[in-house]
Amino acid sequence: MAAPAEIREGEHLNDVPLQVEVELDRHVATIKEVLQLAVGTILTLNRAAGEPVEIRVGGSCIGVGEIIAFNENCGVRVSELNADS
């Protein structure tokens, strides 16, 4: 019987899905303001392109990125990863 191919350490975990979170802003609103929300309402963010944001996986910060705007989208460019992540 042939020996199974060696599996590199941790390789079997490569396809496990993880939720990556980037929080752009938080806003405190009154009950009245929340009840007035409607489709099309614009919630203004207090962050702008170029500002740093934390990148989190499983609630832990794994790095920092910067908010970028491209075409008609926004995204986060990874600028730093924690050494222990």
PDB file of N, CA and C in Angstrom:
ATOM      1  N   MET A   1       0.847  -1.175   0.000  1.00  0.00           N
ATOM      2  CA  MET A   1       0.000   0.000   0.000  1.00  0.00           C
ATOM      3  C   MET A   1       0.892   1.238   0.000  1.00  0.00           C
ATOM      4  N   ALA A   2       0.589   2.188  -0.851  1.00  0.00           N
ATOM      5  CA  ALA A   2       1.391   3.407  -0.969  1.00  0.00           C
ATOM      6  C   ALA A   2       1.102   4.336   0.210  1.00  0.00           C
ATOM      7  N   ALA A   3       2.133   5.016   0.669  1.00  0.00           N
ATOM      8  CA  ALA A   3       1.968   5.976   1.765  1.00  0.00           C
ATOM      9  C   ALA A   3       1.249   7.216   1.247  1.00  0.00           C
ATOM     10  N   PRO A   4       0.338   7.805   2.051  1.00  0.00           N
ATOM     11  CA  PRO A   4      -0.358   9.016   1.610  1.00  0.00           C
ATOM     12  C   PRO A   4       0.631  10.167   1.419  1.00  0.00           C
ATOM     13  N   ALA A   5       0.301  11.043   0.496  1.00  0.00           N
ATOM     14  CA  ALA A   5       1.163  12.210   0.266  1.00  0.00           C
ATOM     15  C   ALA A   5       1.211  13.044   1.540  1.00  0.00           C
ATOM     16  N   GLU A   6       2.369  13.582   1.828  1.00  0.00           N
ATOM     17  CA  GLU A   6       2.505  14.419   3.024  1.00  0.00           C
ATOM     18  C   GLU A   6       1.692  15.696   2.864  1.00  0.00           C
ATOM     19  N   ILE A   7       1.021  16.061   3.932  1.00  0.00           N
ATOM     20  CA  ILE A   7       0.246  17.306   3.944  1.00  0.00           C
ATOM     21  C   ILE A   7       1.049  18.319   4.751  1.00  0.00           C
ATOM     22  N   ARG A   8       1.295  19.455   4.132  1.00  0.00           N
ATOM     23  CA  ARG A   8       2.013  20.501   4.851  1.00  0.00           C
ATOM     24  C   ARG A   8       1.182  20.949   6.039  1.00  0.00           C
ATOM     25  N   GLU A   9       1.850  21.318   7.121  1.00  0.00           N
ATOM     26  CA  GLU A   9       1.172  21.712   8.348  1.00  0.00           C
ATOM     27  C   GLU A   9       0.150  22.815   8.091  1.00  0.00           C
ATOM     28  N   GLY A  10      -1.076  22.592   8.487  1.00  0.00           N
ATOM     29  CA  GLY A  10      -2.135  23.583   8.359  1.00  0.00           C
ATOM     30  C   GLY A  10      -2.773  23.678   6.994  1.00  0.00           C
ATOM     31  N   GLU A  11      -2.251  22.967   6.008  1.00  0.00           N
ATOM     32  CA  GLU A  11      -2.772  23.084   4.640  1.00  0.00           C
ATOM     33  C   GLU A  11      -4.242  22.681   4.555  1.00  0.00           C
ATOM     34  N   HIS A  12      -4.652  21.744   5.368  1.00  0.00           N
ATOM     35  CA  HIS A  12      -6.046  21.298   5.343  1.00  0.00           C
ATOM     36  C   HIS A  12      -7.018  22.386   5.805  1.00  0.00           C
ATOM     37  N   LEU A  13      -6.523  23.459   6.370  1.00  0.00           N
ATOM     38  CA  LEU A  13      -7.367  24.563   6.838  1.00  0.00           C
ATOM     39  C   LEU A  13      -7.509  25.686   5.806  1.00  0.00           C
ATOM     40  N   ASN A  14      -6.802  25.586   4.695  1.00  0.00           N
ATOM     41  CA  ASN A  14      -6.781  26.680   3.717  1.00  0.00           C
ATOM     42  C   ASN A  14      -8.148  27.063   3.171  1.00  0.00           C
ATOM     43  N   ASP A  15      -9.089  26.143   3.115  1.00  0.00           N
ATOM     44  CA  ASP A  15     -10.391  26.437   2.517  1.00  0.00           C
ATOM     45  C   ASP A  15     -11.469  26.762   3.546  1.00  0.00           C
ATOM     46  N   VAL A  16     -11.098  26.930   4.818  1.00  0.00           N
ATOM     47  CA  VAL A  16     -12.070  27.274   5.850  1.00  0.00           C
ATOM     48  C   VAL A  16     -12.430  28.757   5.682  1.00  0.00           C
ATOM     49  N   PRO A  17     -13.731  29.066   5.519  1.00  0.00           N
ATOM     50  CA  PRO A  17     -14.125  30.468   5.339  1.00  0.00           C
ATOM     51  C   PRO A  17     -14.020  31.257   6.647  1.00  0.00           C
ATOM     52  N   LEU A  18     -13.545  32.479   6.550  1.00  0.00           N
ATOM     53  CA  LEU A  18     -13.441  33.391   7.688  1.00  0.00           C
ATOM     54  C   LEU A  18     -14.161  34.683   7.353  1.00  0.00           C
ATOM     55  N   GLN A  19     -14.785  35.287   8.337  1.00  0.00           N
ATOM     56  CA  GLN A  19     -15.442  36.575   8.128  1.00  0.00           C
ATOM     57  C   GLN A  19     -14.442  37.690   8.420  1.00  0.00           C
ATOM     58  N   VAL A  20     -14.160  38.491   7.411  1.00  0.00           N
ATOM     59  CA  VAL A  20     -13.249  39.631   7.550  1.00  0.00           C
ATOM     60  C   VAL A  20     -14.112  40.877   7.710  1.00  0.00           C
ATOM     61  N   GLU A  21     -13.828  41.652   8.756  1.00  0.00           N
ATOM     62  CA  GLU A  21     -14.631  42.841   9.053  1.00  0.00           C
ATOM     63  C   GLU A  21     -13.784  44.102   9.005  1.00  0.00           C
ATOM     64  N   VAL A  22     -14.362  45.150   8.448  1.00  0.00           N
ATOM     65  CA  VAL A  22     -13.761  46.482   8.458  1.00  0.00           C
ATOM     66  C   VAL A  22     -14.883  47.440   8.826  1.00  0.00           C
ATOM     67  N   GLU A  23     -14.740  48.104   9.944  1.00  0.00           N
ATOM     68  CA  GLU A  23     -15.776  49.029  10.393  1.00  0.00           C
ATOM     69  C   GLU A  23     -15.424  50.432   9.917  1.00  0.00           C
ATOM     70  N   LEU A  24     -16.302  50.996   9.112  1.00  0.00           N
ATOM     71  CA  LEU A  24     -16.047  52.334   8.580  1.00  0.00           C
ATOM     72  C   LEU A  24     -16.439  53.428   9.561  1.00  0.00           C
ATOM     73  N   ASP A  25     -17.492  53.219  10.328  1.00  0.00           N
ATOM     74  CA  ASP A  25     -17.947  54.273  11.234  1.00  0.00           C
ATOM     75  C   ASP A  25     -19.036  53.732  12.145  1.00  0.00           C
ATOM     76  N   ARG A  26     -19.301  54.441  13.203  1.00  0.00           N
ATOM     77  CA  ARG A  26     -20.445  54.187  14.085  1.00  0.00           C
ATOM     78  C   ARG A  26     -21.145  55.510  14.288  1.00  0.00           C
ATOM     79  N   HIS A  27     -22.444  55.430  14.463  1.00  0.00           N
ATOM     80  CA  HIS A  27     -23.236  56.645  14.595  1.00  0.00           C
ATOM     81  C   HIS A  27     -24.270  56.436  15.690  1.00  0.00           C
ATOM     82  N   VAL A  28     -24.376  57.366  16.597  1.00  0.00           N
ATOM     83  CA  VAL A  28     -25.404  57.321  17.630  1.00  0.00           C
ATOM     84  C   VAL A  28     -26.606  58.080  17.093  1.00  0.00           C
ATOM     85  N   ALA A  29     -27.781  57.436  17.169  1.00  0.00           N
ATOM     86  CA  ALA A  29     -29.004  58.058  16.682  1.00  0.00           C
ATOM     87  C   ALA A  29     -30.102  57.913  17.737  1.00  0.00           C
ATOM     88  N   THR A  30     -31.006  58.827  17.723  1.00  0.00           N
ATOM     89  CA  THR A  30     -32.154  58.732  18.623  1.00  0.00           C
ATOM     90  C   THR A  30     -33.161  57.743  18.040  1.00  0.00           C
ATOM     91  N   ILE A  31     -34.087  57.302  18.859  1.00  0.00           N
ATOM     92  CA  ILE A  31     -35.150  56.413  18.378  1.00  0.00           C
ATOM     93  C   ILE A  31     -35.913  57.101  17.250  1.00  0.00           C
ATOM     94  N   LYS A  32     -36.177  58.381  17.401  1.00  0.00           N
ATOM     95  CA  LYS A  32     -36.903  59.135  16.369  1.00  0.00           C
ATOM     96  C   LYS A  32     -36.159  59.080  15.040  1.00  0.00           C
ATOM     97  N   GLU A  33     -34.815  59.300  15.081  1.00  0.00           N
ATOM     98  CA  GLU A  33     -34.024  59.268  13.854  1.00  0.00           C
ATOM     99  C   GLU A  33     -34.047  57.889  13.202  1.00  0.00           C
ATOM    100  N   VAL A  34     -33.983  56.842  14.013  1.00  0.00           N
ATOM    101  CA  VAL A  34     -34.020  55.484  13.470  1.00  0.00           C
ATOM    102  C   VAL A  34     -35.382  55.211  12.836  1.00  0.00           C
ATOM    103  N   LEU A  35     -36.458  55.645  13.489  1.00  0.00           N
ATOM    104  CA  LEU A  35     -37.803  55.433  12.938  1.00  0.00           C
ATOM    105  C   LEU A  35     -38.028  56.203  11.648  1.00  0.00           C
ATOM    106  N   GLN A  36     -37.253  57.265  11.428  1.00  0.00           N
ATOM    107  CA  GLN A  36     -37.389  58.068  10.222  1.00  0.00           C
ATOM    108  C   GLN A  36     -36.548  57.541   9.060  1.00  0.00           C
ATOM    109  N   LEU A  37     -35.732  56.505   9.291  1.00  0.00           N
ATOM    110  CA  LEU A  37     -34.940  55.933   8.207  1.00  0.00           C
ATOM    111  C   LEU A  37     -35.864  55.358   7.146  1.00  0.00           C
ATOM    112  N   ALA A  38     -35.504  55.552   5.909  1.00  0.00           N
ATOM    113  CA  ALA A  38     -36.288  55.030   4.792  1.00  0.00           C
ATOM    114  C   ALA A  38     -35.336  54.631   3.676  1.00  0.00           C
ATOM    115  N   VAL A  39     -35.845  53.861   2.740  1.00  0.00           N
ATOM    116  CA  VAL A  39     -35.043  53.494   1.574  1.00  0.00           C
ATOM    117  C   VAL A  39     -34.586  54.789   0.905  1.00  0.00           C
ATOM    118  N   GLY A  40     -33.303  54.895   0.642  1.00  0.00           N
ATOM    119  CA  GLY A  40     -32.755  56.091   0.017  1.00  0.00           C
ATOM    120  C   GLY A  40     -32.137  57.065   1.007  1.00  0.00           C
ATOM    121  N   THR A  41     -32.374  56.852   2.314  1.00  0.00           N
ATOM    122  CA  THR A  41     -31.758  57.709   3.320  1.00  0.00           C
ATOM    123  C   THR A  41     -30.242  57.552   3.249  1.00  0.00           C
ATOM    124  N   ILE A  42     -29.525  58.655   3.332  1.00  0.00           N
ATOM    125  CA  ILE A  42     -28.063  58.623   3.312  1.00  0.00           C
ATOM    126  C   ILE A  42     -27.558  58.836   4.733  1.00  0.00           C
ATOM    127  N   LEU A  43     -26.773  57.884   5.206  1.00  0.00           N
ATOM    128  CA  LEU A  43     -26.132  58.017   6.504  1.00  0.00           C
ATOM    129  C   LEU A  43     -24.720  58.535   6.258  1.00  0.00           C
ATOM    130  N   THR A  44     -24.435  59.700   6.742  1.00  0.00           N
ATOM    131  CA  THR A  44     -23.136  60.327   6.521  1.00  0.00           C
ATOM    132  C   THR A  44     -22.087  59.689   7.422  1.00  0.00           C
ATOM    133  N   LEU A  45     -20.967  59.330   6.832  1.00  0.00           N
ATOM    134  CA  LEU A  45     -19.857  58.767   7.595  1.00  0.00           C
ATOM    135  C   LEU A  45     -18.912  59.883   7.998  1.00  0.00           C
ATOM    136  N   ASN A  46     -18.284  59.699   9.132  1.00  0.00           N
ATOM    137  CA  ASN A  46     -17.303  60.677   9.603  1.00  0.00           C
ATOM    138  C   ASN A  46     -15.886  60.267   9.224  1.00  0.00           C
ATOM    139  N   ARG A  47     -15.766  59.419   8.218  1.00  0.00           N
ATOM    140  CA  ARG A  47     -14.467  58.955   7.744  1.00  0.00           C
ATOM    141  C   ARG A  47     -14.334  59.326   6.273  1.00  0.00           C
ATOM    142  N   ALA A  48     -13.120  59.498   5.845  1.00  0.00           N
ATOM    143  CA  ALA A  48     -12.875  59.864   4.451  1.00  0.00           C
ATOM    144  C   ALA A  48     -11.829  58.936   3.850  1.00  0.00           C
ATOM    145  N   ALA A  49     -11.756  58.937   2.531  1.00  0.00           N
ATOM    146  CA  ALA A  49     -10.725  58.168   1.839  1.00  0.00           C
ATOM    147  C   ALA A  49      -9.361  58.565   2.385  1.00  0.00           C
ATOM    148  N   GLY A  50      -8.508  57.580   2.581  1.00  0.00           N
ATOM    149  CA  GLY A  50      -7.163  57.831   3.106  1.00  0.00           C
ATOM    150  C   GLY A  50      -7.051  57.615   4.596  1.00  0.00           C
ATOM    151  N   GLU A  51      -8.170  57.534   5.299  1.00  0.00           N
ATOM    152  CA  GLU A  51      -8.122  57.341   6.747  1.00  0.00           C
ATOM    153  C   GLU A  51      -7.885  55.872   7.085  1.00  0.00           C
ATOM    154  N   PRO A  52      -7.204  55.604   8.197  1.00  0.00           N
ATOM    155  CA  PRO A  52      -6.929  54.216   8.579  1.00  0.00           C
ATOM    156  C   PRO A  52      -8.152  53.546   9.202  1.00  0.00           C
ATOM    157  N   VAL A  53      -8.264  52.231   8.982  1.00  0.00           N
ATOM    158  CA  VAL A  53      -9.299  51.407   9.601  1.00  0.00           C
ATOM    159  C   VAL A  53      -8.674  50.088  10.026  1.00  0.00           C
ATOM    160  N   GLU A  54      -9.230  49.485  11.065  1.00  0.00           N
ATOM    161  CA  GLU A  54      -8.747  48.183  11.518  1.00  0.00           C
ATOM    162  C   GLU A  54      -9.367  47.084  10.670  1.00  0.00           C
ATOM    163  N   ILE A  55      -8.593  46.057  10.397  1.00  0.00           N
ATOM    164  CA  ILE A  55      -9.078  44.867   9.696  1.00  0.00           C
ATOM    165  C   ILE A  55      -9.149  43.769  10.753  1.00  0.00           C
ATOM    166  N   ARG A  56     -10.341  43.184  10.920  1.00  0.00           N
ATOM    167  CA  ARG A  56     -10.559  42.202  11.977  1.00  0.00           C
ATOM    168  C   ARG A  56     -11.021  40.864  11.411  1.00  0.00           C
ATOM    169  N   VAL A  57     -10.561  39.800  12.048  1.00  0.00           N
ATOM    170  CA  VAL A  57     -11.023  38.445  11.752  1.00  0.00           C
ATOM    171  C   VAL A  57     -11.331  37.799  13.095  1.00  0.00           C
ATOM    172  N   GLY A  58     -12.543  37.290  13.240  1.00  0.00           N
ATOM    173  CA  GLY A  58     -12.933  36.667  14.504  1.00  0.00           C
ATOM    174  C   GLY A  58     -12.877  37.616  15.679  1.00  0.00           C
ATOM    175  N   GLY A  59     -13.085  38.898  15.431  1.00  0.00           N
ATOM    176  CA  GLY A  59     -13.063  39.899  16.487  1.00  0.00           C
ATOM    177  C   GLY A  59     -11.674  40.405  16.847  1.00  0.00           C
ATOM    178  N   SER A  60     -10.641  39.808  16.292  1.00  0.00           N
ATOM    179  CA  SER A  60      -9.266  40.230  16.591  1.00  0.00           C
ATOM    180  C   SER A  60      -8.703  41.057  15.452  1.00  0.00           C
ATOM    181  N   CYS A  61      -8.015  42.126  15.809  1.00  0.00           N
ATOM    182  CA  CYS A  61      -7.392  42.986  14.806  1.00  0.00           C
ATOM    183  C   CYS A  61      -6.179  42.263  14.223  1.00  0.00           C
ATOM    184  N   ILE A  62      -6.208  42.067  12.891  1.00  0.00           N
ATOM    185  CA  ILE A  62      -5.074  41.406  12.236  1.00  0.00           C
ATOM    186  C   ILE A  62      -4.235  42.390  11.428  1.00  0.00           C
ATOM    187  N   GLY A  63      -4.727  43.629  11.302  1.00  0.00           N
ATOM    188  CA  GLY A  63      -3.973  44.608  10.536  1.00  0.00           C
ATOM    189  C   GLY A  63      -4.710  45.920  10.406  1.00  0.00           C
ATOM    190  N   VAL A  64      -4.117  46.788   9.616  1.00  0.00           N
ATOM    191  CA  VAL A  64      -4.665  48.127   9.379  1.00  0.00           C
ATOM    192  C   VAL A  64      -4.671  48.372   7.881  1.00  0.00           C
ATOM    193  N   GLY A  65      -5.693  49.073   7.440  1.00  0.00           N
ATOM    194  CA  GLY A  65      -5.768  49.447   6.035  1.00  0.00           C
ATOM    195  C   GLY A  65      -6.209  50.887   5.912  1.00  0.00           C
ATOM    196  N   GLU A  66      -6.264  51.354   4.678  1.00  0.00           N
ATOM    197  CA  GLU A  66      -6.736  52.719   4.457  1.00  0.00           C
ATOM    198  C   GLU A  66      -7.917  52.686   3.507  1.00  0.00           C
ATOM    199  N   ILE A  67      -8.900  53.515   3.807  1.00  0.00           N
ATOM    200  CA  ILE A  67     -10.084  53.600   2.968  1.00  0.00           C
ATOM    201  C   ILE A  67      -9.687  54.185   1.622  1.00  0.00           C
ATOM    202  N   ILE A  68     -10.105  53.525   0.547  1.00  0.00           N
ATOM    203  CA  ILE A  68      -9.834  54.059  -0.791  1.00  0.00           C
ATOM    204  C   ILE A  68     -11.138  54.124  -1.573  1.00  0.00           C
ATOM    205  N   ALA A  69     -11.191  55.048  -2.500  1.00  0.00           N
ATOM    206  CA  ALA A  69     -12.321  55.167  -3.424  1.00  0.00           C
ATOM    207  C   ALA A  69     -11.800  54.863  -4.813  1.00  0.00           C
ATOM    208  N   PHE A  70     -12.515  53.989  -5.530  1.00  0.00           N
ATOM    209  CA  PHE A  70     -12.123  53.677  -6.901  1.00  0.00           C
ATOM    210  C   PHE A  70     -13.389  53.435  -7.697  1.00  0.00           C
ATOM    211  N   ASN A  71     -13.398  53.978  -8.922  1.00  0.00           N
ATOM    212  CA  ASN A  71     -14.603  53.952  -9.759  1.00  0.00           C
ATOM    213  C   ASN A  71     -15.770  54.466  -8.927  1.00  0.00           C
ATOM    214  N   GLU A  72     -16.807  53.674  -8.780  1.00  0.00           N
ATOM    215  CA  GLU A  72     -17.938  54.098  -7.948  1.00  0.00           C
ATOM    216  C   GLU A  72     -18.026  53.249  -6.685  1.00  0.00           C
ATOM    217  N   ASN A  73     -16.906  52.677  -6.273  1.00  0.00           N
ATOM    218  CA  ASN A  73     -16.861  51.811  -5.101  1.00  0.00           C
ATOM    219  C   ASN A  73     -15.911  52.371  -4.063  1.00  0.00           C
ATOM    220  N   CYS A  74     -15.977  51.780  -2.882  1.00  0.00           N
ATOM    221  CA  CYS A  74     -14.955  52.071  -1.883  1.00  0.00           C
ATOM    222  C   CYS A  74     -14.378  50.743  -1.434  1.00  0.00           C
ATOM    223  N   GLY A  75     -13.205  50.789  -0.882  1.00  0.00           N
ATOM    224  CA  GLY A  75     -12.539  49.577  -0.430  1.00  0.00           C
ATOM    225  C   GLY A  75     -11.525  49.924   0.624  1.00  0.00           C
ATOM    226  N   VAL A  76     -10.761  48.921   1.006  1.00  0.00           N
ATOM    227  CA  VAL A  76      -9.710  49.114   1.998  1.00  0.00           C
ATOM    228  C   VAL A  76      -8.427  48.510   1.457  1.00  0.00           C
ATOM    229  N   ARG A  77      -7.386  49.319   1.386  1.00  0.00           N
ATOM    230  CA  ARG A  77      -6.058  48.851   0.956  1.00  0.00           C
ATOM    231  C   ARG A  77      -5.283  48.444   2.208  1.00  0.00           C
ATOM    232  N   VAL A  78      -4.854  47.195   2.272  1.00  0.00           N
ATOM    233  CA  VAL A  78      -4.105  46.708   3.427  1.00  0.00           C
ATOM    234  C   VAL A  78      -2.760  47.412   3.467  1.00  0.00           C
ATOM    235  N   SER A  79      -2.469  48.046   4.602  1.00  0.00           N
ATOM    236  CA  SER A  79      -1.196  48.768   4.717  1.00  0.00           C
ATOM    237  C   SER A  79      -0.285  48.182   5.782  1.00  0.00           C
ATOM    238  N   GLU A  80      -0.839  47.355   6.674  1.00  0.00           N
ATOM    239  CA  GLU A  80      -0.024  46.777   7.730  1.00  0.00           C
ATOM    240  C   GLU A  80      -0.720  45.520   8.240  1.00  0.00           C
ATOM    241  N   LEU A  81       0.039  44.455   8.420  1.00  0.00           N
ATOM    242  CA  LEU A  81      -0.480  43.224   9.016  1.00  0.00           C
ATOM    243  C   LEU A  81       0.287  42.949  10.304  1.00  0.00           C
ATOM    244  N   ASN A  82      -0.419  42.529  11.337  1.00  0.00           N
ATOM    245  CA  ASN A  82       0.227  42.203  12.600  1.00  0.00           C
ATOM    246  C   ASN A  82       1.121  41.002  12.407  1.00  0.00           C
ATOM    247  N   ALA A  83       2.288  41.025  13.003  1.00  0.00           N
ATOM    248  CA  ALA A  83       3.251  39.943  12.846  1.00  0.00           C
ATOM    249  C   ALA A  83       2.718  38.622  13.372  1.00  0.00           C
ATOM    250  N   ASP A  84       1.864  38.655  14.398  1.00  0.00           N
ATOM    251  CA  ASP A  84       1.344  37.428  14.986  1.00  0.00           C
ATOM    252  C   ASP A  84       0.031  36.972  14.374  1.00  0.00           C
ATOM    253  N   SER A  85      -0.406  37.597  13.264  1.00  0.00           N
ATOM    254  CA  SER A  85      -1.675  37.194  12.648  1.00  0.00           C
ATOM    255  C   SER A  85      -1.462  36.171  11.572  1.00  0.00           C
TER     256      SER A  85
END
